[in-house]
Amino acid sequence: QVRLVESGGGLVQAGGSLRLSCAFSGRSFVYYYMAWFRQAPGKEREFAAAISWSGGSTYYLDSVKGRFTISRDNAKNTVYLQMNSLKPEDTAVYYCAADSTRGRFSDSRYEYEYWGQGTQVTVSS
C-alpha cells in the first residue's frame, strides 16, 4: 500500500550539491519516521540520516553531518535530503525508507518497513 519514490540523483563534481526528494503515498505520511540510507558499490547499505514524525528531531551519519540536511514537508508528503560539499566517497545509491512501528530513532536497515527503489548519486573528482 505504501509507496516511496526517490528522485533528484545525478552526476556532480566534488564540492557540488544535490537535493534528493522522496514522495510518499498510500497512507498517512505524518505517522512515519523517515530515513535515508545509501549503498556504495561493494559495500553494505548504511544509514545516512533520519527525521522524526514531526520533524523536530534529526540524526546523521558522522561523515555527512554538517554537509547533509534531512527535512520533511508533511503537507506535501515528501522528505528531502539536501547534500552540500559532496565528495567522491558520497557516491552511492540512495534509498528512502519509512517506519510507523517504532516511534523512535533507528539506524538499522532492518527496522524500516518500506523502501523506495533508490536513486543514483555519483560524485566525480
N, C-alpha and C. Protein backbone atom coordinates (compact mmCIF):
# COMPACT_ATOMS: atom_id res chain seq x y z
N GLN A 1 0.82 -1.20 0.00
CA GLN A 1 0.00 0.00 0.00
C GLN A 1 0.86 1.26 0.00
N VAL A 2 1.88 1.29 0.86
CA VAL A 2 2.79 2.42 0.91
C VAL A 2 3.78 2.34 -0.26
N ARG A 3 3.98 3.46 -0.91
CA ARG A 3 4.94 3.56 -2.00
C ARG A 3 5.86 4.74 -1.75
N LEU A 4 7.15 4.54 -2.01
CA LEU A 4 8.16 5.57 -1.88
C LEU A 4 8.90 5.69 -3.21
N VAL A 5 9.03 6.91 -3.71
CA VAL A 5 9.70 7.14 -4.99
C VAL A 5 10.72 8.24 -4.81
N GLU A 6 12.00 7.89 -4.99
CA GLU A 6 13.08 8.86 -4.87
C GLU A 6 13.34 9.54 -6.20
N SER A 7 13.85 10.76 -6.12
CA SER A 7 14.26 11.49 -7.31
C SER A 7 15.34 12.50 -6.92
N GLY A 8 16.02 13.05 -7.90
CA GLY A 8 17.00 14.10 -7.66
C GLY A 8 18.45 13.68 -7.76
N GLY A 9 18.70 12.39 -7.93
CA GLY A 9 20.07 11.94 -8.07
C GLY A 9 20.66 12.35 -9.40
N GLY A 10 21.97 12.17 -9.52
CA GLY A 10 22.64 12.53 -10.75
C GLY A 10 24.14 12.54 -10.58
N LEU A 11 24.81 13.11 -11.56
CA LEU A 11 26.27 13.20 -11.58
C LEU A 11 26.68 14.64 -11.31
N VAL A 12 27.53 14.82 -10.30
CA VAL A 12 28.03 16.15 -9.95
C VAL A 12 29.52 16.07 -9.67
N GLN A 13 30.19 17.20 -9.75
CA GLN A 13 31.60 17.27 -9.41
C GLN A 13 31.77 17.45 -7.91
N ALA A 14 32.91 17.04 -7.39
CA ALA A 14 33.21 17.22 -5.98
C ALA A 14 33.03 18.68 -5.59
N GLY A 15 32.40 18.90 -4.43
CA GLY A 15 32.11 20.23 -3.96
C GLY A 15 30.74 20.74 -4.35
N GLY A 16 30.07 20.02 -5.23
CA GLY A 16 28.75 20.41 -5.69
C GLY A 16 27.65 19.99 -4.74
N SER A 17 26.41 20.27 -5.14
CA SER A 17 25.25 19.99 -4.31
C SER A 17 24.16 19.29 -5.09
N LEU A 18 23.37 18.51 -4.38
CA LEU A 18 22.17 17.88 -4.92
C LEU A 18 21.11 17.88 -3.83
N ARG A 19 19.86 17.90 -4.24
CA ARG A 19 18.76 17.70 -3.30
C ARG A 19 17.92 16.52 -3.75
N LEU A 20 17.87 15.50 -2.91
CA LEU A 20 17.06 14.33 -3.17
C LEU A 20 15.67 14.53 -2.59
N SER A 21 14.68 13.98 -3.27
CA SER A 21 13.31 14.02 -2.79
C SER A 21 12.76 12.60 -2.73
N CYS A 22 11.88 12.37 -1.78
CA CYS A 22 11.21 11.08 -1.65
C CYS A 22 9.72 11.35 -1.49
N ALA A 23 8.95 10.93 -2.46
CA ALA A 23 7.50 11.11 -2.43
C ALA A 23 6.84 9.88 -1.82
N PHE A 24 6.00 10.11 -0.83
CA PHE A 24 5.32 9.07 -0.07
C PHE A 24 3.85 9.06 -0.44
N SER A 25 3.30 7.87 -0.64
CA SER A 25 1.88 7.75 -0.93
C SER A 25 1.32 6.46 -0.36
N GLY A 26 0.01 6.43 -0.16
CA GLY A 26 -0.68 5.22 0.25
C GLY A 26 -1.27 5.25 1.65
N ARG A 27 -0.61 5.91 2.59
CA ARG A 27 -1.09 6.02 3.96
C ARG A 27 -0.77 7.40 4.52
N SER A 28 -1.00 7.57 5.79
CA SER A 28 -0.82 8.88 6.42
C SER A 28 0.65 9.13 6.70
N PHE A 29 1.26 9.97 5.90
CA PHE A 29 2.69 10.26 5.98
C PHE A 29 3.13 10.75 7.34
N VAL A 30 2.30 11.52 8.02
CA VAL A 30 2.67 12.15 9.27
C VAL A 30 3.05 11.13 10.35
N TYR A 31 2.59 9.91 10.24
CA TYR A 31 2.86 8.89 11.25
C TYR A 31 4.12 8.07 10.99
N TYR A 32 4.86 8.39 9.95
CA TYR A 32 6.04 7.62 9.58
C TYR A 32 7.34 8.34 9.91
N TYR A 33 8.20 7.63 10.62
CA TYR A 33 9.58 8.05 10.80
C TYR A 33 10.28 7.79 9.48
N MET A 34 11.00 8.78 8.96
CA MET A 34 11.61 8.67 7.64
C MET A 34 13.13 8.69 7.73
N ALA A 35 13.76 7.98 6.80
CA ALA A 35 15.21 7.91 6.81
C ALA A 35 15.75 7.80 5.39
N TRP A 36 17.02 8.15 5.25
CA TRP A 36 17.78 7.91 4.03
C TRP A 36 18.92 6.95 4.35
N PHE A 37 19.07 5.95 3.52
CA PHE A 37 20.21 5.04 3.56
C PHE A 37 20.95 5.14 2.24
N ARG A 38 22.18 4.66 2.23
CA ARG A 38 22.93 4.65 0.97
C ARG A 38 23.77 3.38 0.88
N GLN A 39 24.03 2.98 -0.35
CA GLN A 39 24.81 1.77 -0.59
C GLN A 39 25.78 2.02 -1.73
N ALA A 40 27.07 2.01 -1.41
CA ALA A 40 28.12 2.18 -2.40
C ALA A 40 28.47 0.83 -3.01
N PRO A 41 29.07 0.83 -4.20
CA PRO A 41 29.45 -0.44 -4.83
C PRO A 41 30.34 -1.28 -3.93
N GLY A 42 29.98 -2.54 -3.75
CA GLY A 42 30.76 -3.45 -2.94
C GLY A 42 30.62 -3.26 -1.44
N LYS A 43 29.74 -2.36 -1.01
CA LYS A 43 29.57 -2.07 0.41
C LYS A 43 28.16 -2.42 0.87
N GLU A 44 28.00 -2.57 2.18
CA GLU A 44 26.69 -2.80 2.76
C GLU A 44 25.90 -1.50 2.81
N ARG A 45 24.59 -1.63 2.81
CA ARG A 45 23.74 -0.46 2.93
C ARG A 45 23.93 0.17 4.31
N GLU A 46 24.14 1.49 4.36
CA GLU A 46 24.40 2.17 5.61
C GLU A 46 23.44 3.33 5.82
N PHE A 47 23.18 3.60 7.08
CA PHE A 47 22.34 4.72 7.47
C PHE A 47 23.00 6.04 7.12
N ALA A 48 22.22 6.99 6.62
CA ALA A 48 22.73 8.32 6.33
C ALA A 48 22.06 9.40 7.17
N ALA A 49 20.73 9.39 7.26
CA ALA A 49 20.02 10.41 8.01
C ALA A 49 18.60 9.95 8.32
N ALA A 50 18.01 10.50 9.39
CA ALA A 50 16.64 10.18 9.75
C ALA A 50 15.96 11.41 10.33
N ILE A 51 14.63 11.41 10.28
CA ILE A 51 13.85 12.52 10.81
C ILE A 51 12.58 11.98 11.45
N SER A 52 12.21 12.57 12.59
CA SER A 52 11.06 12.11 13.35
C SER A 52 9.75 12.50 12.68
N TRP A 53 8.65 11.99 13.23
CA TRP A 53 7.32 12.24 12.66
C TRP A 53 7.02 13.72 12.49
N SER A 54 7.37 14.50 13.50
CA SER A 54 7.07 15.92 13.48
C SER A 54 8.15 16.75 12.79
N GLY A 55 9.30 16.14 12.55
CA GLY A 55 10.43 16.87 12.00
C GLY A 55 11.27 17.56 13.06
N GLY A 56 10.92 17.35 14.33
CA GLY A 56 11.62 18.03 15.41
C GLY A 56 12.96 17.44 15.78
N SER A 57 13.22 16.20 15.38
CA SER A 57 14.48 15.54 15.69
C SER A 57 15.09 14.98 14.42
N THR A 58 16.39 15.19 14.25
CA THR A 58 17.11 14.64 13.11
C THR A 58 18.38 13.95 13.57
N TYR A 59 18.84 12.99 12.76
CA TYR A 59 20.01 12.19 13.09
C TYR A 59 20.81 11.97 11.82
N TYR A 60 22.16 11.94 11.97
CA TYR A 60 23.03 11.84 10.81
C TYR A 60 24.21 10.91 11.05
N LEU A 61 24.63 10.28 9.97
CA LEU A 61 25.91 9.59 9.95
C LEU A 61 27.00 10.63 10.18
N ASP A 62 27.99 10.31 11.00
CA ASP A 62 29.03 11.27 11.35
C ASP A 62 29.72 11.87 10.12
N SER A 63 29.96 11.07 9.11
CA SER A 63 30.71 11.54 7.96
C SER A 63 29.93 12.52 7.08
N VAL A 64 28.62 12.62 7.27
CA VAL A 64 27.82 13.56 6.47
C VAL A 64 27.32 14.73 7.29
N LYS A 65 27.46 14.67 8.60
CA LYS A 65 26.96 15.73 9.47
C LYS A 65 27.65 17.05 9.14
N GLY A 66 26.85 18.09 9.01
CA GLY A 66 27.37 19.39 8.63
C GLY A 66 27.34 19.64 7.15
N ARG A 67 27.18 18.59 6.35
CA ARG A 67 27.09 18.71 4.91
C ARG A 67 25.70 18.35 4.38
N PHE A 68 25.05 17.38 5.02
CA PHE A 68 23.73 16.93 4.61
C PHE A 68 22.67 17.44 5.58
N THR A 69 21.49 17.73 5.07
CA THR A 69 20.36 18.13 5.89
C THR A 69 19.11 17.38 5.46
N ILE A 70 18.49 16.67 6.40
CA ILE A 70 17.24 15.99 6.11
C ILE A 70 16.09 16.87 6.60
N SER A 71 15.01 16.91 5.83
CA SER A 71 13.83 17.67 6.21
C SER A 71 12.60 16.98 5.66
N ARG A 72 11.43 17.38 6.15
CA ARG A 72 10.19 16.82 5.63
C ARG A 72 9.13 17.89 5.54
N ASP A 73 8.26 17.73 4.58
CA ASP A 73 7.12 18.61 4.39
C ASP A 73 5.89 17.72 4.44
N ASN A 74 5.24 17.69 5.60
CA ASN A 74 4.11 16.78 5.78
C ASN A 74 2.90 17.17 4.92
N ALA A 75 2.79 18.43 4.57
CA ALA A 75 1.71 18.87 3.70
C ALA A 75 1.88 18.34 2.28
N LYS A 76 3.13 18.06 1.89
CA LYS A 76 3.42 17.55 0.56
C LYS A 76 3.77 16.07 0.55
N ASN A 77 3.74 15.44 1.72
CA ASN A 77 4.09 14.01 1.83
C ASN A 77 5.46 13.73 1.22
N THR A 78 6.43 14.56 1.55
CA THR A 78 7.74 14.46 0.94
C THR A 78 8.84 14.65 1.97
N VAL A 79 9.89 13.85 1.85
CA VAL A 79 11.09 14.02 2.65
C VAL A 79 12.23 14.37 1.71
N TYR A 80 13.15 15.22 2.18
CA TYR A 80 14.24 15.70 1.35
C TYR A 80 15.58 15.39 2.00
N LEU A 81 16.60 15.31 1.18
CA LEU A 81 17.97 15.25 1.65
C LEU A 81 18.79 16.25 0.85
N GLN A 82 19.12 17.36 1.48
CA GLN A 82 19.98 18.36 0.85
C GLN A 82 21.43 17.97 1.10
N MET A 83 22.19 17.80 0.03
CA MET A 83 23.56 17.35 0.12
C MET A 83 24.47 18.43 -0.44
N ASN A 84 25.32 18.99 0.40
CA ASN A 84 26.27 20.02 0.01
C ASN A 84 27.69 19.51 0.18
N SER A 85 28.63 20.20 -0.45
CA SER A 85 30.05 19.86 -0.35
C SER A 85 30.28 18.37 -0.61
N LEU A 86 29.69 17.89 -1.67
CA LEU A 86 29.76 16.46 -1.97
C LEU A 86 31.18 16.00 -2.26
N LYS A 87 31.46 14.78 -1.83
CA LYS A 87 32.75 14.15 -2.01
C LYS A 87 32.60 12.87 -2.81
N PRO A 88 33.67 12.43 -3.49
CA PRO A 88 33.58 11.17 -4.24
C PRO A 88 33.11 10.00 -3.38
N GLU A 89 33.47 9.98 -2.10
CA GLU A 89 33.05 8.90 -1.23
C GLU A 89 31.57 8.91 -0.90
N ASP A 90 30.85 9.97 -1.31
CA ASP A 90 29.40 10.00 -1.16
C ASP A 90 28.69 9.25 -2.29
N THR A 91 29.44 8.83 -3.29
CA THR A 91 28.86 8.11 -4.40
C THR A 91 28.18 6.83 -3.92
N ALA A 92 26.91 6.68 -4.24
CA ALA A 92 26.13 5.54 -3.78
C ALA A 92 24.74 5.61 -4.38
N VAL A 93 24.00 4.52 -4.24
CA VAL A 93 22.57 4.55 -4.48
C VAL A 93 21.92 4.95 -3.16
N TYR A 94 21.09 5.98 -3.20
CA TYR A 94 20.43 6.49 -2.01
C TYR A 94 18.99 6.00 -1.97
N TYR A 95 18.61 5.42 -0.83
CA TYR A 95 17.28 4.85 -0.65
C TYR A 95 16.50 5.59 0.43
N CYS A 96 15.25 5.83 0.16
CA CYS A 96 14.32 6.37 1.13
C CYS A 96 13.64 5.22 1.86
N ALA A 97 13.47 5.35 3.18
CA ALA A 97 12.85 4.31 3.98
C ALA A 97 11.85 4.91 4.96
N ALA A 98 10.84 4.12 5.32
CA ALA A 98 9.78 4.59 6.21
C ALA A 98 9.41 3.54 7.24
N ASP A 99 9.08 4.00 8.45
CA ASP A 99 8.65 3.11 9.52
C ASP A 99 7.61 3.79 10.38
N SER A 100 6.56 3.07 10.74
CA SER A 100 5.50 3.60 11.60
C SER A 100 5.37 2.85 12.91
N THR A 101 6.19 1.83 13.14
CA THR A 101 6.00 0.93 14.28
C THR A 101 6.85 1.26 15.49
N ARG A 102 8.03 1.82 15.30
CA ARG A 102 8.95 2.02 16.43
C ARG A 102 8.68 3.31 17.19
N GLY A 103 8.44 4.37 16.49
CA GLY A 103 8.20 5.65 17.13
C GLY A 103 9.44 6.27 17.75
N ARG A 104 10.62 5.81 17.33
CA ARG A 104 11.87 6.35 17.83
C ARG A 104 12.97 6.15 16.79
N PHE A 105 14.09 6.79 16.99
CA PHE A 105 15.19 6.71 16.04
C PHE A 105 15.76 5.31 15.93
N SER A 106 16.08 4.91 14.71
CA SER A 106 16.83 3.69 14.46
C SER A 106 17.74 3.91 13.26
N ASP A 107 18.97 3.40 13.34
CA ASP A 107 19.90 3.46 12.21
C ASP A 107 20.07 2.10 11.55
N SER A 108 19.20 1.17 11.90
CA SER A 108 19.26 -0.17 11.34
C SER A 108 18.32 -0.32 10.15
N ARG A 109 18.84 -0.83 9.05
CA ARG A 109 18.01 -1.06 7.87
C ARG A 109 16.93 -2.10 8.11
N TYR A 110 17.10 -2.91 9.15
CA TYR A 110 16.13 -3.96 9.45
C TYR A 110 14.90 -3.44 10.18
N GLU A 111 14.92 -2.20 10.61
CA GLU A 111 13.82 -1.63 11.38
C GLU A 111 12.84 -0.83 10.53
N TYR A 112 13.07 -0.74 9.25
CA TYR A 112 12.20 0.05 8.38
C TYR A 112 11.33 -0.84 7.51
N GLU A 113 10.05 -0.50 7.46
CA GLU A 113 9.06 -1.33 6.79
C GLU A 113 9.05 -1.19 5.27
N TYR A 114 9.23 0.03 4.79
CA TYR A 114 9.03 0.31 3.37
C TYR A 114 10.25 1.01 2.79
N TRP A 115 10.51 0.70 1.52
CA TRP A 115 11.69 1.21 0.83
C TRP A 115 11.36 1.64 -0.59
N GLY A 116 12.03 2.69 -1.03
CA GLY A 116 11.97 3.07 -2.42
C GLY A 116 12.95 2.26 -3.25
N GLN A 117 12.97 2.53 -4.55
CA GLN A 117 13.84 1.80 -5.46
C GLN A 117 15.26 2.35 -5.52
N GLY A 118 15.46 3.54 -4.99
CA GLY A 118 16.78 4.14 -4.94
C GLY A 118 17.04 5.11 -6.08
N THR A 119 17.94 6.05 -5.84
CA THR A 119 18.37 6.99 -6.86
C THR A 119 19.89 7.11 -6.80
N GLN A 120 20.53 7.08 -7.96
CA GLN A 120 21.99 7.05 -8.02
C GLN A 120 22.56 8.46 -7.86
N VAL A 121 23.54 8.57 -6.97
CA VAL A 121 24.31 9.79 -6.81
C VAL A 121 25.77 9.46 -7.12
N THR A 122 26.34 10.16 -8.08
CA THR A 122 27.73 9.95 -8.46
C THR A 122 28.47 11.27 -8.35
N VAL A 123 29.57 11.28 -7.59
CA VAL A 123 30.37 12.48 -7.39
C VAL A 123 31.74 12.24 -7.98
N SER A 124 32.10 13.02 -8.98
CA SER A 124 33.38 12.87 -9.64
C SER A 124 34.43 13.76 -8.98
N SER A 125 35.69 13.34 -9.09
CA SER A 125 36.79 14.09 -8.51
C SER A 125 37.33 15.12 -9.49
